[in-house]
Amino acid sequence: MSQLPRLSGRELVKALGKVGFLPKRQHGSHIILRRVDPWCQTVIPDHKELDRGTLRAILRQTEVSVERLNQLLRESL
């Protein structure tokens, strides 16, 4: 199992954008992302660094594995 990366909210939004999530709106410091097919919606806090538990919960909601997230982050470099 890969380790969770340390990410900001904006970095996570950018990575999830590569798998079909689009920003729907922003309410304060929370960015709401939505994917149409299969339908899924999640909220990303716009913080400098996301807590590990928060990141794990978001990955669970979006059905993105830690390995897939690391792959998406490597592609952006």
N, C-alpha and C. Protein backbone atom coordinates (compact mmCIF):
# COMPACT_ATOMS: atom_id res chain seq x y z
N MET A 1 0.84 -1.18 0.00
CA MET A 1 0.00 0.00 0.00
C MET A 1 0.89 1.24 0.00
N SER A 2 0.57 2.19 -0.87
CA SER A 2 1.34 3.42 -0.97
C SER A 2 0.99 4.38 0.15
N GLN A 3 1.92 5.25 0.43
CA GLN A 3 1.67 6.25 1.46
C GLN A 3 0.85 7.39 0.89
N LEU A 4 0.06 7.99 1.76
CA LEU A 4 -0.72 9.16 1.37
C LEU A 4 0.22 10.35 1.18
N PRO A 5 0.07 11.06 0.09
CA PRO A 5 0.90 12.25 -0.10
C PRO A 5 0.37 13.41 0.72
N ARG A 6 1.22 14.37 1.00
CA ARG A 6 0.81 15.61 1.67
C ARG A 6 0.39 16.57 0.57
N LEU A 7 -0.89 16.95 0.56
CA LEU A 7 -1.44 17.79 -0.50
C LEU A 7 -2.19 18.98 0.06
N SER A 8 -2.24 20.03 -0.75
CA SER A 8 -3.14 21.14 -0.45
C SER A 8 -4.48 20.83 -1.11
N GLY A 9 -5.48 21.58 -0.76
CA GLY A 9 -6.79 21.39 -1.37
C GLY A 9 -6.76 21.65 -2.86
N ARG A 10 -6.04 22.68 -3.28
CA ARG A 10 -5.94 23.03 -4.70
C ARG A 10 -5.23 21.93 -5.51
N GLU A 11 -4.20 21.32 -4.92
CA GLU A 11 -3.50 20.24 -5.62
C GLU A 11 -4.42 19.04 -5.81
N LEU A 12 -5.25 18.76 -4.82
CA LEU A 12 -6.19 17.65 -4.93
C LEU A 12 -7.26 17.94 -5.97
N VAL A 13 -7.74 19.17 -6.03
CA VAL A 13 -8.72 19.56 -7.05
C VAL A 13 -8.14 19.34 -8.44
N LYS A 14 -6.89 19.73 -8.63
CA LYS A 14 -6.22 19.58 -9.93
C LYS A 14 -6.09 18.10 -10.29
N ALA A 15 -5.70 17.26 -9.34
CA ALA A 15 -5.54 15.82 -9.59
C ALA A 15 -6.88 15.17 -9.91
N LEU A 16 -7.92 15.50 -9.15
CA LEU A 16 -9.24 14.91 -9.39
C LEU A 16 -9.84 15.39 -10.70
N GLY A 17 -9.42 16.56 -11.15
CA GLY A 17 -9.87 17.06 -12.45
C GLY A 17 -9.46 16.14 -13.59
N LYS A 18 -8.37 15.43 -13.42
CA LYS A 18 -7.88 14.50 -14.44
C LYS A 18 -8.73 13.25 -14.56
N VAL A 19 -9.54 12.96 -13.55
CA VAL A 19 -10.42 11.79 -13.62
C VAL A 19 -11.89 12.19 -13.76
N GLY A 20 -12.12 13.41 -14.25
CA GLY A 20 -13.48 13.81 -14.60
C GLY A 20 -14.22 14.69 -13.62
N PHE A 21 -13.60 15.11 -12.53
CA PHE A 21 -14.27 15.98 -11.57
C PHE A 21 -14.10 17.44 -11.98
N LEU A 22 -15.20 18.16 -11.96
CA LEU A 22 -15.18 19.59 -12.31
C LEU A 22 -15.66 20.41 -11.13
N PRO A 23 -15.05 21.58 -10.91
CA PRO A 23 -15.53 22.46 -9.84
C PRO A 23 -16.94 22.95 -10.16
N LYS A 24 -17.86 22.72 -9.25
CA LYS A 24 -19.25 23.14 -9.45
C LYS A 24 -19.46 24.53 -8.86
N ARG A 25 -18.95 24.71 -7.63
CA ARG A 25 -19.06 26.01 -6.97
C ARG A 25 -18.10 26.03 -5.79
N GLN A 26 -17.97 27.19 -5.18
CA GLN A 26 -17.16 27.31 -3.97
C GLN A 26 -17.98 28.06 -2.94
N HIS A 27 -17.97 27.53 -1.73
CA HIS A 27 -18.69 28.16 -0.63
C HIS A 27 -17.68 28.40 0.48
N GLY A 28 -17.24 29.64 0.62
CA GLY A 28 -16.21 29.95 1.61
C GLY A 28 -14.91 29.27 1.23
N SER A 29 -14.36 28.48 2.14
CA SER A 29 -13.10 27.80 1.89
C SER A 29 -13.32 26.35 1.45
N HIS A 30 -14.48 26.02 0.92
CA HIS A 30 -14.77 24.65 0.48
C HIS A 30 -15.14 24.66 -1.00
N ILE A 31 -14.46 23.80 -1.76
CA ILE A 31 -14.69 23.68 -3.19
C ILE A 31 -15.52 22.42 -3.43
N ILE A 32 -16.64 22.56 -4.11
CA ILE A 32 -17.53 21.44 -4.39
C ILE A 32 -17.22 20.95 -5.80
N LEU A 33 -16.83 19.67 -5.89
CA LEU A 33 -16.52 19.06 -7.18
C LEU A 33 -17.60 18.06 -7.53
N ARG A 34 -17.86 17.94 -8.84
CA ARG A 34 -18.89 17.00 -9.29
C ARG A 34 -18.39 16.26 -10.52
N ARG A 35 -18.72 14.96 -10.58
CA ARG A 35 -18.45 14.13 -11.75
C ARG A 35 -19.80 13.64 -12.24
N VAL A 36 -20.01 13.64 -13.56
CA VAL A 36 -21.30 13.27 -14.11
C VAL A 36 -21.46 11.75 -14.24
N ASP A 37 -20.47 11.06 -14.80
CA ASP A 37 -20.63 9.63 -15.07
C ASP A 37 -19.46 8.84 -14.54
N PRO A 38 -19.63 7.99 -13.54
CA PRO A 38 -20.79 7.84 -12.68
C PRO A 38 -20.90 9.03 -11.73
N TRP A 39 -22.13 9.40 -11.42
CA TRP A 39 -22.38 10.61 -10.65
C TRP A 39 -21.73 10.52 -9.28
N CYS A 40 -21.03 11.60 -8.92
CA CYS A 40 -20.39 11.68 -7.61
C CYS A 40 -20.14 13.15 -7.31
N GLN A 41 -20.30 13.51 -6.07
CA GLN A 41 -20.03 14.88 -5.63
C GLN A 41 -19.24 14.82 -4.33
N THR A 42 -18.26 15.70 -4.21
CA THR A 42 -17.44 15.73 -3.00
C THR A 42 -17.05 17.16 -2.69
N VAL A 43 -16.69 17.39 -1.45
CA VAL A 43 -16.30 18.72 -0.98
C VAL A 43 -14.83 18.67 -0.59
N ILE A 44 -14.05 19.61 -1.13
CA ILE A 44 -12.62 19.69 -0.84
C ILE A 44 -12.35 20.97 -0.06
N PRO A 45 -11.79 20.88 1.15
CA PRO A 45 -11.42 22.09 1.87
C PRO A 45 -10.23 22.76 1.18
N ASP A 46 -10.29 24.06 1.02
CA ASP A 46 -9.22 24.81 0.37
C ASP A 46 -8.20 25.21 1.44
N HIS A 47 -7.48 24.20 1.96
CA HIS A 47 -6.48 24.42 3.00
C HIS A 47 -5.09 24.22 2.43
N LYS A 48 -4.09 24.74 3.15
CA LYS A 48 -2.70 24.59 2.70
C LYS A 48 -2.27 23.13 2.73
N GLU A 49 -2.74 22.38 3.73
CA GLU A 49 -2.43 20.96 3.82
C GLU A 49 -3.65 20.24 4.38
N LEU A 50 -4.08 19.20 3.67
CA LEU A 50 -5.24 18.43 4.10
C LEU A 50 -4.82 17.40 5.15
N ASP A 51 -5.66 17.19 6.14
CA ASP A 51 -5.42 16.14 7.13
C ASP A 51 -5.50 14.78 6.44
N ARG A 52 -4.78 13.81 6.98
CA ARG A 52 -4.78 12.47 6.39
C ARG A 52 -6.17 11.85 6.37
N GLY A 53 -6.90 11.99 7.46
CA GLY A 53 -8.25 11.42 7.53
C GLY A 53 -9.19 12.06 6.53
N THR A 54 -9.07 13.36 6.35
CA THR A 54 -9.90 14.08 5.38
C THR A 54 -9.58 13.60 3.97
N LEU A 55 -8.30 13.47 3.66
CA LEU A 55 -7.89 13.01 2.33
C LEU A 55 -8.37 11.59 2.09
N ARG A 56 -8.25 10.71 3.08
CA ARG A 56 -8.73 9.33 2.92
C ARG A 56 -10.24 9.29 2.68
N ALA A 57 -11.00 10.11 3.40
CA ALA A 57 -12.45 10.15 3.23
C ALA A 57 -12.82 10.63 1.82
N ILE A 58 -12.12 11.62 1.32
CA ILE A 58 -12.39 12.14 -0.03
C ILE A 58 -12.07 11.06 -1.07
N LEU A 59 -10.95 10.36 -0.89
CA LEU A 59 -10.59 9.30 -1.83
C LEU A 59 -11.62 8.18 -1.81
N ARG A 60 -12.12 7.86 -0.63
CA ARG A 60 -13.15 6.82 -0.51
C ARG A 60 -14.43 7.25 -1.23
N GLN A 61 -14.83 8.51 -1.05
CA GLN A 61 -16.04 9.02 -1.70
C GLN A 61 -15.91 9.01 -3.22
N THR A 62 -14.74 9.36 -3.71
CA THR A 62 -14.53 9.48 -5.15
C THR A 62 -14.10 8.17 -5.80
N GLU A 63 -13.88 7.13 -4.99
CA GLU A 63 -13.45 5.82 -5.46
C GLU A 63 -12.13 5.89 -6.23
N VAL A 64 -11.20 6.71 -5.70
CA VAL A 64 -9.86 6.83 -6.25
C VAL A 64 -8.91 6.22 -5.22
N SER A 65 -8.08 5.28 -5.65
CA SER A 65 -7.15 4.64 -4.73
C SER A 65 -5.95 5.55 -4.48
N VAL A 66 -5.20 5.26 -3.44
CA VAL A 66 -3.99 6.02 -3.11
C VAL A 66 -2.98 5.87 -4.25
N GLU A 67 -2.87 4.67 -4.81
CA GLU A 67 -1.95 4.43 -5.92
C GLU A 67 -2.33 5.27 -7.13
N ARG A 68 -3.63 5.33 -7.44
CA ARG A 68 -4.12 6.12 -8.58
C ARG A 68 -3.85 7.61 -8.34
N LEU A 69 -4.06 8.08 -7.13
CA LEU A 69 -3.79 9.47 -6.80
C LEU A 69 -2.32 9.79 -7.00
N ASN A 70 -1.44 8.92 -6.51
CA ASN A 70 0.00 9.14 -6.70
C ASN A 70 0.37 9.17 -8.18
N GLN A 71 -0.28 8.32 -8.97
CA GLN A 71 -0.03 8.30 -10.41
C GLN A 71 -0.48 9.62 -11.05
N LEU A 72 -1.64 10.12 -10.66
CA LEU A 72 -2.14 11.39 -11.20
C LEU A 72 -1.21 12.54 -10.83
N LEU A 73 -0.66 12.52 -9.63
CA LEU A 73 0.24 13.57 -9.19
C LEU A 73 1.56 13.51 -9.96
N ARG A 74 2.05 12.30 -10.24
CA ARG A 74 3.29 12.17 -11.03
C ARG A 74 3.10 12.68 -12.44
N GLU A 75 1.91 12.48 -13.01
CA GLU A 75 1.63 12.93 -14.38
C GLU A 75 1.65 14.44 -14.49
N SER A 76 1.32 15.14 -13.41
CA SER A 76 1.26 16.60 -13.46
C SER A 76 2.63 17.25 -13.36
N LEU A 77 3.66 16.48 -13.00
CA LEU A 77 5.02 17.06 -12.88
C LEU A 77 5.69 17.19 -14.23
